[in-house]
Amino acid sequence: MRCPKCGCLEDKVIDSRASKEGTTIRRRRECLQCGHRFTTYEAIERQQLMVVKRDGRREPYVREKLVNGIQRACEKRPISRRALEEAVDRIETEIHEEYEKEVPYRDIGERVMRELRLLDPVAYVRFASVYRRFQEADEFVQAVKKLEVPYDTATYRLPGF
């Protein structure tokens, strides 16, 4: 690893830690020539996924597009940047586990809607209105009514309690 201060290629690793739910490793390094300390991140390189669009076109999956779409839906809502990043990480992990080469746009969109529904109902409806291409007001009302039906969160009593 080249030192950002002097350009030397010799360094030693001082500390290594897993970060981001174990998907990357953070390494603290020290240049052996000038003593400058710097941080690097190591991540698994995954095969490039292609997204199959509505019209059948295929284009490379780009994380930034997913982040931008979710950010637009969450604009001016009380949702932290960290919560958004964690949602994107979950979506990415799921699609990489399920698909090797191509992922239908529909599967990404449904996962985004599920995450937004848990994060913020307004962001969920905003995203759904664009993703589902609402044409009439009643479609919008139906999406809002879906929010009134909670996910199945049944809890079962343990025997003896």
Protein backbone atom coordinates (compact mmCIF):
# COMPACT_ATOMS: atom_id res chain seq x y z
CA MET A 1 0.00 0.00 0.00
CA ARG A 2 1.46 3.36 -1.04
CA CYS A 3 1.85 5.93 1.76
CA PRO A 4 -0.36 8.96 1.02
CA LYS A 5 2.28 11.29 2.50
CA CYS A 6 5.62 10.15 1.03
CA GLY A 7 4.63 7.51 -1.55
CA CYS A 8 6.70 4.73 0.02
CA LEU A 9 5.44 1.18 -0.62
CA GLU A 10 6.64 -0.24 2.69
CA ASP A 11 4.24 -0.18 5.65
CA LYS A 12 3.09 -2.28 8.56
CA VAL A 13 -0.43 -3.03 9.76
CA ILE A 14 -0.97 -1.75 13.29
CA ASP A 15 -4.62 -2.72 13.78
CA SER A 16 -7.33 -4.62 11.86
CA ARG A 17 -11.05 -4.53 12.62
CA ALA A 18 -14.15 -5.85 10.92
CA SER A 19 -16.70 -3.16 10.10
CA LYS A 20 -20.06 -2.78 8.35
CA GLU A 21 -21.56 -6.03 9.53
CA GLY A 22 -18.41 -7.95 8.61
CA THR A 23 -18.41 -6.95 4.93
CA THR A 24 -15.21 -4.88 5.13
CA ILE A 25 -12.03 -4.81 7.16
CA ARG A 26 -10.53 -1.56 8.41
CA ARG A 27 -6.75 -1.58 8.66
CA ARG A 28 -4.62 1.01 10.42
CA ARG A 29 -1.19 1.23 8.77
CA GLU A 30 2.08 2.97 9.49
CA CYS A 31 4.60 3.93 6.80
CA LEU A 32 8.03 2.42 7.55
CA GLN A 33 9.82 5.36 5.92
CA CYS A 34 8.12 8.49 7.31
CA GLY A 35 6.02 7.06 10.18
CA HIS A 36 2.75 8.51 8.80
CA ARG A 37 -0.35 6.57 9.90
CA PHE A 38 -3.28 6.00 7.55
CA THR A 39 -6.38 3.84 7.23
CA THR A 40 -7.35 1.46 4.44
CA TYR A 41 -10.47 -0.62 3.87
CA GLU A 42 -10.59 -4.08 2.38
CA ALA A 43 -13.81 -5.50 0.90
CA ILE A 44 -14.88 -8.60 -0.99
CA GLU A 45 -14.93 -8.00 -4.72
CA ARG A 46 -18.19 -9.33 -6.09
CA GLN A 47 -19.07 -10.17 -9.65
CA GLN A 48 -20.78 -7.28 -11.41
CA LEU A 49 -24.56 -7.77 -11.36
CA MET A 50 -26.69 -6.66 -14.26
CA VAL A 51 -30.15 -5.18 -13.62
CA VAL A 52 -32.88 -6.29 -16.03
CA LYS A 53 -34.96 -3.15 -16.53
CA ARG A 54 -38.71 -2.86 -17.20
CA ASP A 55 -38.19 -2.66 -20.96
CA GLY A 56 -35.80 -5.63 -21.02
CA ARG A 57 -32.59 -3.59 -21.23
CA ARG A 58 -29.70 -4.68 -19.06
CA GLU A 59 -27.42 -2.28 -17.26
CA PRO A 60 -24.79 -2.69 -14.55
CA TYR A 61 -25.98 -2.53 -10.94
CA VAL A 62 -24.74 0.72 -9.38
CA ARG A 63 -24.99 1.19 -5.62
CA GLU A 64 -25.17 4.99 -5.97
CA LYS A 65 -28.40 4.74 -7.98
CA LEU A 66 -29.98 2.72 -5.19
CA VAL A 67 -28.74 5.18 -2.55
CA ASN A 68 -29.98 8.19 -4.58
CA GLY A 69 -33.45 6.68 -5.06
CA ILE A 70 -33.82 5.97 -1.36
CA GLN A 71 -32.48 9.41 -0.42
CA ARG A 72 -35.01 11.11 -2.71
CA ALA A 73 -37.84 9.19 -1.05
CA CYS A 74 -36.50 10.14 2.40
CA GLU A 75 -35.89 13.82 1.60
CA LYS A 76 -36.80 16.09 4.52
CA ARG A 77 -37.71 13.09 6.69
CA PRO A 78 -36.15 12.36 10.10
CA ILE A 79 -34.05 9.42 8.90
CA SER A 80 -30.35 9.25 9.64
CA ARG A 81 -27.73 8.70 6.96
CA ARG A 82 -26.61 5.63 8.89
CA ALA A 83 -30.11 4.09 8.78
CA LEU A 84 -30.20 4.64 5.00
CA GLU A 85 -26.77 3.07 4.53
CA GLU A 86 -27.75 0.07 6.65
CA ALA A 87 -30.92 -0.41 4.57
CA VAL A 88 -28.89 -0.28 1.35
CA ASP A 89 -26.39 -2.77 2.82
CA ARG A 90 -29.22 -5.19 3.65
CA ILE A 91 -30.71 -4.87 0.17
CA GLU A 92 -27.33 -5.40 -1.50
CA THR A 93 -26.51 -8.41 0.65
CA GLU A 94 -29.84 -10.02 -0.20
CA ILE A 95 -29.57 -9.51 -3.95
CA HIS A 96 -25.95 -10.71 -4.05
CA GLU A 97 -26.92 -13.82 -2.08
CA GLU A 98 -29.88 -14.58 -4.35
CA TYR A 99 -28.56 -13.58 -7.79
CA GLU A 100 -25.23 -14.26 -9.45
CA LYS A 101 -25.42 -12.42 -12.77
CA GLU A 102 -28.76 -10.69 -13.35
CA VAL A 103 -31.36 -9.26 -10.99
CA PRO A 104 -34.82 -8.09 -12.12
CA TYR A 105 -35.55 -4.43 -11.30
CA ARG A 106 -38.74 -5.64 -9.63
CA ASP A 107 -36.82 -7.54 -6.93
CA ILE A 108 -34.72 -4.51 -6.07
CA GLY A 109 -37.81 -2.26 -5.97
CA GLU A 110 -39.75 -4.62 -3.71
CA ARG A 111 -36.83 -4.84 -1.29
CA VAL A 112 -36.53 -1.04 -1.24
CA MET A 113 -40.25 -0.70 -0.50
CA ARG A 114 -39.98 -3.24 2.35
CA GLU A 115 -37.05 -1.34 3.90
CA LEU A 116 -38.75 2.06 3.49
CA ARG A 117 -41.96 0.75 5.00
CA LEU A 118 -39.99 -0.13 8.13
CA LEU A 119 -38.07 3.18 8.15
CA ASP A 120 -40.72 5.78 7.37
CA PRO A 121 -44.29 5.56 5.99
CA VAL A 122 -44.03 8.85 4.06
CA ALA A 123 -40.83 7.73 2.34
CA TYR A 124 -42.49 4.41 1.55
CA VAL A 125 -45.48 6.08 -0.15
CA ARG A 126 -43.20 8.50 -2.04
CA PHE A 127 -41.10 5.65 -3.41
CA ALA A 128 -44.14 3.48 -4.16
CA SER A 129 -45.81 6.28 -6.13
CA VAL A 130 -42.82 6.52 -8.48
CA TYR A 131 -41.90 2.83 -8.54
CA ARG A 132 -45.47 1.63 -9.15
CA ARG A 133 -46.18 4.54 -11.51
CA PHE A 134 -49.41 5.65 -9.86
CA GLN A 135 -51.78 7.18 -12.41
CA GLU A 136 -54.87 7.73 -10.28
CA ALA A 137 -55.47 9.07 -6.77
CA ASP A 138 -57.10 5.79 -5.68
CA GLU A 139 -53.81 3.95 -6.30
CA PHE A 140 -52.16 6.38 -3.91
CA VAL A 141 -54.91 5.83 -1.32
CA GLN A 142 -54.50 2.04 -1.60
CA ALA A 143 -50.76 2.36 -0.89
CA VAL A 144 -51.51 4.42 2.21
CA LYS A 145 -54.12 1.88 3.36
CA LYS A 146 -51.51 -0.88 3.09
CA LEU A 147 -49.61 0.95 5.81
CA GLU A 148 -52.56 0.46 8.16
CA VAL A 149 -52.20 -3.34 7.87
CA PRO A 150 -49.22 -4.22 10.05
CA TYR A 151 -46.75 -6.90 9.09
CA ASP A 152 -47.36 -10.24 10.82
CA THR A 153 -45.49 -9.79 14.07
CA ALA A 154 -47.26 -12.57 15.99
CA THR A 155 -45.67 -13.48 19.26
CA TYR A 156 -46.46 -16.82 20.77
CA ARG A 157 -46.68 -17.49 24.47
CA LEU A 158 -44.15 -19.96 25.78
CA PRO A 159 -45.53 -22.91 27.71
CA GLY A 160 -45.69 -22.22 31.41
CA PHE A 161 -45.85 -18.43 31.10
